[in-house]
Amino acid sequence: MTFLVDLAIVTVSCLALGLASKYLRQTAIPAYIIAGIILGKSGFDLISSEASYDFIQWLGRVGVILLMFYIGYEFNFKGIKEPGRLFAGCTDFGVNFIAGFALGLLIGMSLIETFILASAVYISSSAITISSLIENKRLIYPEAETVVWLMVFEDIILAILLVVLTSIMSGSLALIPVCLATTLLLIVFTFTLIKRLSNFISPLFERDDEIPILLIFALIFGFSAIAYLLSILLPCHISEVIIAFFLGSALSGVKSSRKLFEATISFKNLFLTIFFFSFGMMFQFQFATLFSAYFILVLFALITLSVSGKFISGALIGKRLHGSLETGLRVGAYTTPRGEFSIVLLAVVIGTRTGNYELLVSLVVAYVIILSIVGSGFAKHGDRIGKGIYKLIRLP
């Protein structure tokens, strides 16, 4: 019965804060994280047992897998070949990753922590960015397609970063080629198997009973289990979230899968909410650190650098792809929000190894909470912000 009480605490608290966020027209991601911090080990510790903590974290892990499956299903590989797309993606990565890496080194973090910080700084929130474009009717703008592509490109880089980082943290640099090769072989196996079985599974997706939903979850958890078992058998870590991403992409080509895929979105939203809550509850934050002058100074520098980096990369992309600096500044405004992927990256990577990551975790959590809120405002008013900055730049 304790599980039921603990799940009631999680869902009721997330519901209350989620409704409050929607009422205030803010993204709910920081609200769920804050709920976990307040009710978890750093706060009132209302979760009754370690078993409940483990169970809630397991549910959250399912949310991450479903999120990557969802993104993989929507992913379009053909967009990579379009003119200027590669330049845009590489510019966004280069400017923002280097900025985060430089700050990590400057404040004395280890190379691993610096790499994680730089990765979290680079990755924008696809959910907040694209939702803002839709809600504020910005999809008709010429730069909207570029913004969407940047989110797609970041998904590709995220998959690569997860392989590299988890390999380093679970072993050594020498294991990276083994992990990359094994992951690539598993991806090829996934695509090949789904393609060969498409004529068999396509009719199953059209059934009106429970078989279609069982099939899609059996595929998701089955391939995730294969990745987990290979990680045990081989001296490397294969991320199941990466395999879920490519499984979604493979299934997108199967006839009749679209309707069923849409039915899984509600599951994804539920478990992903639990993930953000579980992330907040699983770490014991030292609040003395959060309110120290050093931490506040570093956080301010991180936020300033991150916002500036997105505007700089956006300006370069806008000038090259659209021939307009003002358009590029709007791209920068739209891509300012950080959210789910910075947290996913931090949680997945740190989960592979124990260690003292107090400063890193505190920085990224505070950073995501602030930029998910502030960034939503930037994305909402991206046209006015871009125009205002452009006028300032043009002043004599």
Protein backbone atom coordinates (compact mmCIF):
# COMPACT_ATOMS: atom_id res chain seq x y z
CA MET A 1 0.00 0.00 0.00
CA THR A 2 2.94 2.34 0.54
CA PHE A 3 3.50 2.40 -3.23
CA LEU A 4 -0.06 3.68 -3.70
CA VAL A 5 0.45 6.42 -1.09
CA ASP A 6 3.78 7.45 -2.65
CA LEU A 7 2.33 7.48 -6.17
CA ALA A 8 -0.59 9.55 -4.88
CA ILE A 9 1.90 12.07 -3.46
CA VAL A 10 3.76 12.22 -6.78
CA THR A 11 0.73 12.56 -9.05
CA VAL A 12 -1.26 14.96 -6.84
CA SER A 13 1.71 17.29 -6.33
CA CYS A 14 2.57 17.24 -10.04
CA LEU A 15 -1.07 17.85 -10.93
CA ALA A 16 -1.30 20.86 -8.61
CA LEU A 17 1.94 22.46 -9.80
CA GLY A 18 1.25 21.53 -13.41
CA LEU A 19 -2.13 23.28 -13.29
CA ALA A 20 -0.53 26.31 -11.65
CA SER A 21 2.09 26.44 -14.42
CA LYS A 22 -0.54 26.22 -17.16
CA TYR A 23 -2.57 28.94 -15.46
CA LEU A 24 0.52 31.18 -15.39
CA ARG A 25 1.27 30.20 -19.02
CA GLN A 26 4.64 28.75 -18.10
CA THR A 27 6.24 25.43 -18.97
CA ALA A 28 5.53 22.77 -16.35
CA ILE A 29 9.01 21.14 -16.43
CA PRO A 30 10.53 23.28 -13.63
CA ALA A 31 7.38 22.82 -11.53
CA TYR A 32 7.75 19.03 -11.61
CA ILE A 33 11.45 19.23 -10.72
CA ILE A 34 10.72 21.62 -7.84
CA ALA A 35 8.00 19.25 -6.59
CA GLY A 36 10.56 16.44 -6.48
CA ILE A 37 13.08 18.60 -4.64
CA ILE A 38 10.54 19.72 -2.03
CA LEU A 39 9.00 16.30 -1.41
CA GLY A 40 12.15 14.20 -1.90
CA LYS A 41 15.39 13.72 -0.01
CA SER A 42 16.37 17.38 -0.18
CA GLY A 43 13.06 18.52 1.29
CA PHE A 44 10.40 16.90 3.45
CA ASP A 45 11.35 13.33 2.40
CA LEU A 46 7.70 12.29 2.14
CA ILE A 47 8.43 9.22 0.00
CA SER A 48 8.13 6.41 2.53
CA SER A 49 10.89 3.96 1.55
CA GLU A 50 13.93 3.36 -0.65
CA ALA A 51 11.86 0.83 -2.57
CA SER A 52 9.40 3.59 -3.45
CA TYR A 53 12.27 5.86 -4.51
CA ASP A 54 13.58 3.09 -6.79
CA PHE A 55 10.12 2.41 -8.22
CA ILE A 56 9.44 6.06 -8.99
CA GLN A 57 12.87 6.39 -10.62
CA TRP A 58 12.10 3.29 -12.70
CA LEU A 59 8.85 4.86 -13.90
CA GLY A 60 10.80 8.02 -14.76
CA ARG A 61 13.29 5.97 -16.75
CA VAL A 62 10.40 4.62 -18.80
CA GLY A 63 9.43 8.23 -19.51
CA VAL A 64 12.87 9.00 -20.96
CA ILE A 65 12.75 5.90 -23.17
CA LEU A 66 9.27 6.85 -24.44
CA LEU A 67 10.43 10.42 -25.07
CA MET A 68 13.34 9.26 -27.24
CA PHE A 69 11.06 6.79 -29.03
CA TYR A 70 8.62 9.64 -29.75
CA ILE A 71 11.39 11.89 -31.12
CA GLY A 72 12.78 9.07 -33.24
CA TYR A 73 9.36 8.43 -34.76
CA GLU A 74 9.02 12.09 -35.77
CA PHE A 75 12.62 12.36 -36.96
CA ASN A 76 13.27 12.96 -40.68
CA PHE A 77 16.71 11.89 -41.92
CA LYS A 78 16.10 13.43 -45.34
CA GLY A 79 16.40 16.95 -43.94
CA ILE A 80 20.13 16.50 -43.38
CA LYS A 81 20.86 16.80 -47.11
CA GLU A 82 19.09 20.14 -47.62
CA PRO A 83 21.37 23.15 -48.36
CA GLY A 84 22.62 25.05 -45.33
CA ARG A 85 21.20 22.60 -42.80
CA LEU A 86 24.56 21.09 -41.88
CA PHE A 87 26.08 24.57 -41.46
CA ALA A 88 23.24 25.61 -39.17
CA GLY A 89 23.53 22.54 -36.97
CA CYS A 90 27.33 22.68 -36.70
CA THR A 91 27.29 26.41 -35.96
CA ASP A 92 24.72 25.96 -33.18
CA PHE A 93 26.79 23.13 -31.71
CA GLY A 94 30.17 24.82 -32.08
CA VAL A 95 29.27 28.17 -30.54
CA ASN A 96 27.23 26.89 -27.60
CA PHE A 97 29.19 23.75 -26.74
CA ILE A 98 32.48 25.63 -26.76
CA ALA A 99 31.00 28.39 -24.57
CA GLY A 100 29.81 25.87 -21.97
CA PHE A 101 33.10 23.96 -22.11
CA ALA A 102 35.13 27.14 -21.60
CA LEU A 103 33.09 28.14 -18.55
CA GLY A 104 33.43 24.65 -17.04
CA LEU A 105 37.21 24.82 -17.32
CA LEU A 106 37.24 28.38 -15.98
CA ILE A 107 35.43 27.43 -12.76
CA GLY A 108 37.71 24.45 -12.17
CA MET A 109 35.47 21.49 -13.07
CA SER A 110 36.98 18.17 -14.13
CA LEU A 111 37.03 17.34 -17.85
CA ILE A 112 34.09 14.95 -17.46
CA GLU A 113 32.01 17.50 -15.55
CA THR A 114 32.98 20.19 -18.06
CA PHE A 115 31.91 17.96 -20.94
CA ILE A 116 28.55 17.27 -19.29
CA LEU A 117 28.03 20.96 -18.54
CA ALA A 118 28.86 21.93 -22.13
CA SER A 119 26.44 19.30 -23.44
CA ALA A 120 23.65 20.52 -21.15
CA VAL A 121 24.31 24.12 -22.23
CA TYR A 122 24.17 23.22 -25.93
CA ILE A 123 20.89 21.27 -25.92
CA SER A 124 17.76 23.44 -26.23
CA SER A 125 14.32 22.29 -25.16
CA SER A 126 12.56 20.91 -28.23
CA ALA A 127 9.27 20.70 -26.33
CA ILE A 128 9.28 24.35 -25.24
CA THR A 129 10.70 25.72 -28.49
CA ILE A 130 8.36 23.94 -30.89
CA SER A 131 5.34 24.42 -28.61
CA SER A 132 6.08 28.16 -28.55
CA LEU A 133 6.25 28.28 -32.35
CA ILE A 134 2.87 26.55 -32.60
CA GLU A 135 1.07 28.41 -29.79
CA ASN A 136 2.28 31.83 -30.95
CA LYS A 137 1.59 31.11 -34.63
CA ARG A 138 5.24 31.46 -35.67
CA LEU A 139 5.34 28.45 -37.99
CA ILE A 140 4.56 30.73 -40.94
CA TYR A 141 7.79 32.68 -40.33
CA PRO A 142 10.66 31.91 -42.75
CA GLU A 143 13.01 30.92 -39.93
CA ALA A 144 10.58 28.42 -38.32
CA GLU A 145 11.80 25.55 -40.52
CA THR A 146 15.39 26.38 -39.55
CA VAL A 147 14.50 26.33 -35.84
CA VAL A 148 12.76 22.96 -36.17
CA TRP A 149 15.79 21.59 -38.02
CA LEU A 150 18.10 22.80 -35.23
CA MET A 151 16.01 20.82 -32.74
CA VAL A 152 16.34 17.73 -34.97
CA PHE A 153 20.10 18.20 -35.33
CA GLU A 154 20.42 18.50 -31.57
CA ASP A 155 18.64 15.15 -31.23
CA ILE A 156 21.33 13.56 -33.41
CA ILE A 157 24.14 15.13 -31.41
CA LEU A 158 22.42 14.15 -28.16
CA ALA A 159 22.52 10.48 -29.22
CA ILE A 160 26.24 10.74 -29.99
CA LEU A 161 26.99 12.60 -26.74
CA LEU A 162 25.19 9.93 -24.72
CA VAL A 163 27.30 7.17 -26.30
CA VAL A 164 30.57 9.02 -25.72
CA LEU A 165 29.82 10.19 -22.19
CA THR A 166 28.38 6.94 -20.87
CA SER A 167 31.31 5.04 -22.37
CA ILE A 168 33.84 7.30 -20.66
CA MET A 169 32.07 7.23 -17.29
CA SER A 170 31.54 3.47 -17.23
CA GLY A 171 35.02 2.55 -18.40
CA SER A 172 37.74 4.34 -20.32
CA LEU A 173 38.41 6.19 -23.54
CA ALA A 174 39.55 2.94 -25.14
CA LEU A 175 36.00 1.57 -24.87
CA ILE A 176 34.43 4.31 -26.98
CA PRO A 177 35.11 2.60 -30.36
CA VAL A 178 33.72 -0.68 -28.97
CA CYS A 179 30.60 1.05 -27.66
CA LEU A 180 30.08 3.02 -30.86
CA ALA A 181 30.54 -0.08 -33.03
CA THR A 182 28.21 -2.21 -30.86
CA THR A 183 25.59 0.54 -30.75
CA LEU A 184 25.80 0.97 -34.53
CA LEU A 185 25.40 -2.79 -35.08
CA LEU A 186 22.37 -2.86 -32.79
CA ILE A 187 20.85 0.10 -34.67
CA VAL A 188 21.39 -1.66 -38.01
CA PHE A 189 19.89 -4.84 -36.54
CA THR A 190 16.86 -2.86 -35.33
CA PHE A 191 16.20 -1.29 -38.73
CA THR A 192 16.75 -4.59 -40.56
CA LEU A 193 14.48 -6.59 -38.26
CA ILE A 194 11.65 -4.03 -38.33
CA LYS A 195 11.86 -3.81 -42.12
CA ARG A 196 11.71 -7.61 -42.49
CA LEU A 197 8.82 -7.91 -40.03
CA SER A 198 6.86 -4.91 -41.33
CA ASN A 199 4.43 -7.04 -43.36
CA PHE A 200 3.76 -9.14 -40.26
CA ILE A 201 3.39 -6.37 -37.67
CA SER A 202 1.52 -3.87 -39.86
CA PRO A 203 -1.79 -5.83 -39.70
CA LEU A 204 -1.37 -6.17 -35.94
CA PHE A 205 -1.37 -2.36 -35.61
CA GLU A 206 -4.84 -2.30 -37.23
CA ARG A 207 -6.50 -4.52 -34.61
CA ASP A 208 -9.10 -3.02 -32.24
CA ASP A 209 -8.08 -4.94 -29.10
CA GLU A 210 -5.13 -4.67 -26.71
CA ILE A 211 -2.66 -6.39 -29.09
CA PRO A 212 -1.41 -3.22 -30.89
CA ILE A 213 -0.48 -1.36 -27.70
CA LEU A 214 1.10 -4.50 -26.24
CA LEU A 215 3.10 -4.94 -29.44
CA ILE A 216 4.52 -1.43 -29.45
CA PHE A 217 5.51 -1.62 -25.77
CA ALA A 218 6.95 -5.10 -26.27
CA LEU A 219 9.15 -3.70 -29.04
CA ILE A 220 10.24 -0.69 -26.97
CA PHE A 221 11.05 -2.67 -23.83
CA GLY A 222 12.38 -5.65 -25.78
CA PHE A 223 15.01 -3.64 -27.66
CA SER A 224 15.83 -1.66 -24.49
CA ALA A 225 16.41 -5.00 -22.72
CA ILE A 226 18.73 -6.12 -25.52
CA ALA A 227 20.77 -2.93 -25.08
CA TYR A 228 20.91 -3.53 -21.31
CA LEU A 229 21.98 -7.17 -21.68
CA LEU A 230 24.68 -6.26 -24.18
CA SER A 231 25.98 -3.69 -21.70
CA ILE A 232 26.36 -6.49 -19.16
CA LEU A 233 27.96 -8.97 -21.58
CA LEU A 234 30.36 -6.50 -23.16
CA PRO A 235 32.78 -4.13 -21.40
CA CYS A 236 30.84 -1.03 -22.47
CA HIS A 237 27.59 0.84 -21.90
CA ILE A 238 24.91 0.88 -24.60
CA SER A 239 22.23 3.44 -23.89
CA GLU A 240 18.71 2.09 -24.23
CA VAL A 241 17.40 5.61 -24.87
CA ILE A 242 19.47 5.76 -28.08
CA ILE A 243 18.07 2.41 -29.22
CA ALA A 244 14.56 3.65 -28.43
CA PHE A 245 15.23 6.70 -30.64
CA PHE A 246 16.20 4.58 -33.64
CA LEU A 247 13.43 2.04 -32.99
CA GLY A 248 10.94 4.90 -33.26
CA SER A 249 12.56 5.98 -36.52
CA ALA A 250 12.39 2.41 -37.87
CA LEU A 251 8.72 2.02 -36.94
CA SER A 252 7.80 5.32 -38.60
CA GLY A 253 8.10 3.52 -41.95
CA VAL A 254 5.66 0.76 -40.98
CA LYS A 255 2.18 1.10 -42.42
CA SER A 256 -0.69 1.75 -39.96
CA SER A 257 1.64 2.66 -37.08
CA ARG A 258 0.71 6.36 -36.94
CA LYS A 259 -2.63 6.00 -35.19
CA LEU A 260 -1.18 3.71 -32.54
CA PHE A 261 1.83 5.98 -32.08
CA GLU A 262 -0.46 8.87 -31.20
CA ALA A 263 -2.07 6.68 -28.54
CA THR A 264 1.31 6.24 -26.82
CA ILE A 265 1.82 10.01 -26.40
CA SER A 266 -0.33 10.08 -23.25
CA PHE A 267 1.86 7.35 -21.73
CA LYS A 268 4.95 9.36 -22.65
CA ASN A 269 3.57 12.51 -21.03
CA LEU A 270 2.67 10.68 -17.80
CA PHE A 271 5.96 8.85 -17.36
CA LEU A 272 8.02 11.87 -18.41
CA THR A 273 6.30 13.96 -15.73
CA ILE A 274 7.29 11.30 -13.20
CA PHE A 275 10.84 11.44 -14.57
CA PHE A 276 11.19 15.16 -13.85
CA PHE A 277 9.76 14.61 -10.36
CA SER A 278 12.10 11.67 -9.76
CA PHE A 279 15.09 13.71 -10.92
CA GLY A 280 14.32 16.35 -8.32
CA MET A 281 13.80 13.83 -5.53
CA MET A 282 16.83 11.61 -6.17
CA PHE A 283 19.55 14.13 -5.34
CA GLN A 284 20.27 15.60 -1.93
CA PHE A 285 20.96 19.22 -2.70
CA GLN A 286 23.02 21.30 -0.31
CA PHE A 287 21.04 24.51 -0.03
CA ALA A 288 24.01 26.29 1.52
CA THR A 289 25.74 25.81 -1.82
CA LEU A 290 22.75 27.10 -3.78
CA PHE A 291 22.71 30.41 -1.90
CA SER A 292 26.46 31.00 -1.76
CA ALA A 293 27.83 34.06 -3.55
CA TYR A 294 30.15 31.87 -5.65
CA PHE A 295 27.32 29.65 -6.88
CA ILE A 296 25.07 32.60 -7.75
CA LEU A 297 27.92 34.28 -9.65
CA VAL A 298 28.69 31.10 -11.62
CA LEU A 299 24.99 30.53 -12.36
CA PHE A 300 24.61 34.12 -13.59
CA ALA A 301 27.67 33.69 -15.84
CA LEU A 302 26.30 30.39 -17.16
CA ILE A 303 22.89 31.85 -18.00
CA THR A 304 24.40 34.97 -19.59
CA LEU A 305 26.81 32.88 -21.65
CA SER A 306 24.05 30.48 -22.73
CA VAL A 307 21.62 33.19 -23.84
CA SER A 308 24.40 35.10 -25.64
CA GLY A 309 25.61 31.91 -27.32
CA LYS A 310 22.21 31.14 -28.81
CA PHE A 311 21.84 34.70 -30.14
CA ILE A 312 25.34 34.62 -31.65
CA SER A 313 24.84 31.25 -33.32
CA GLY A 314 21.34 32.33 -34.44
CA ALA A 315 22.75 35.52 -35.97
CA LEU A 316 25.37 33.55 -37.91
CA ILE A 317 22.77 31.05 -39.12
CA GLY A 318 20.27 33.76 -40.08
CA LYS A 319 22.88 35.69 -42.05
CA ARG A 320 23.98 32.57 -43.94
CA LEU A 321 20.62 30.84 -44.55
CA HIS A 322 18.22 33.78 -44.74
CA GLY A 323 20.50 36.71 -45.54
CA SER A 324 19.10 38.58 -42.54
CA LEU A 325 20.69 39.33 -39.19
CA GLU A 326 17.31 40.18 -37.68
CA THR A 327 15.91 36.81 -38.73
CA GLY A 328 18.93 35.12 -37.15
CA LEU A 329 18.35 36.97 -33.88
CA ARG A 330 14.80 35.61 -33.85
CA VAL A 331 16.26 32.12 -34.32
CA GLY A 332 18.42 32.78 -31.26
CA ALA A 333 15.42 33.90 -29.21
CA TYR A 334 13.36 30.86 -30.18
CA THR A 335 16.16 28.42 -29.23
CA THR A 336 17.00 29.97 -25.84
CA PRO A 337 14.82 27.65 -23.66
CA ARG A 338 16.56 24.73 -21.96
CA GLY A 339 14.63 21.87 -20.44
CA GLU A 340 14.05 18.16 -20.79
CA PHE A 341 17.21 17.14 -22.64
CA SER A 342 19.63 18.91 -20.31
CA ILE A 343 18.04 17.02 -17.41
CA VAL A 344 17.86 13.73 -19.36
CA LEU A 345 21.53 14.03 -20.27
CA LEU A 346 22.57 14.76 -16.69
CA ALA A 347 20.45 11.98 -15.18
CA VAL A 348 21.42 9.29 -17.70
CA VAL A 349 25.14 10.03 -17.56
CA ILE A 350 25.46 10.44 -13.79
CA GLY A 351 23.38 7.30 -13.32
CA THR A 352 26.22 5.24 -14.82
CA ARG A 353 28.67 6.05 -12.02
CA THR A 354 28.68 7.23 -8.44
CA GLY A 355 30.56 10.36 -7.53
CA ASN A 356 30.32 13.83 -6.06
CA TYR A 357 28.57 16.02 -8.61
CA GLU A 358 27.03 18.48 -6.18
CA LEU A 359 28.09 21.66 -8.00
CA LEU A 360 27.32 20.27 -11.46
CA VAL A 361 23.87 18.94 -10.50
CA SER A 362 22.93 22.11 -8.62
CA LEU A 363 24.09 24.29 -11.51
CA VAL A 364 22.23 22.37 -14.21
CA VAL A 365 19.00 22.08 -12.20
CA ALA A 366 18.92 25.79 -11.30
CA TYR A 367 19.97 26.62 -14.88
CA VAL A 368 17.15 24.56 -16.42
CA ILE A 369 14.51 25.92 -14.03
CA ILE A 370 15.47 29.53 -14.81
CA LEU A 371 16.01 29.17 -18.57
CA SER A 372 12.89 27.06 -19.08
CA ILE A 373 10.89 29.98 -17.67
CA VAL A 374 12.91 32.90 -19.07
CA GLY A 375 13.51 31.06 -22.34
CA SER A 376 9.78 30.53 -22.80
CA GLY A 377 9.38 34.31 -22.66
CA PHE A 378 12.17 34.76 -25.20
CA ALA A 379 10.55 32.22 -27.52
CA LYS A 380 7.09 33.78 -27.07
CA HIS A 381 8.32 37.29 -27.92
CA GLY A 382 11.10 36.23 -30.29
CA ASP A 383 10.08 38.60 -33.08
CA ARG A 384 10.04 41.67 -30.85
CA ILE A 385 13.24 40.67 -29.07
CA GLY A 386 15.01 40.01 -32.37
CA LYS A 387 13.86 43.34 -33.75
CA GLY A 388 14.89 45.19 -30.58
CA ILE A 389 18.41 43.71 -30.53
CA TYR A 390 18.78 44.38 -34.25
CA LYS A 391 17.93 48.05 -33.73
CA LEU A 392 20.46 48.31 -30.91
CA ILE A 393 23.15 46.79 -33.10
CA ARG A 394 22.31 49.15 -35.95
CA LEU A 395 22.57 52.27 -33.79
CA PRO A 396 25.52 54.49 -34.82
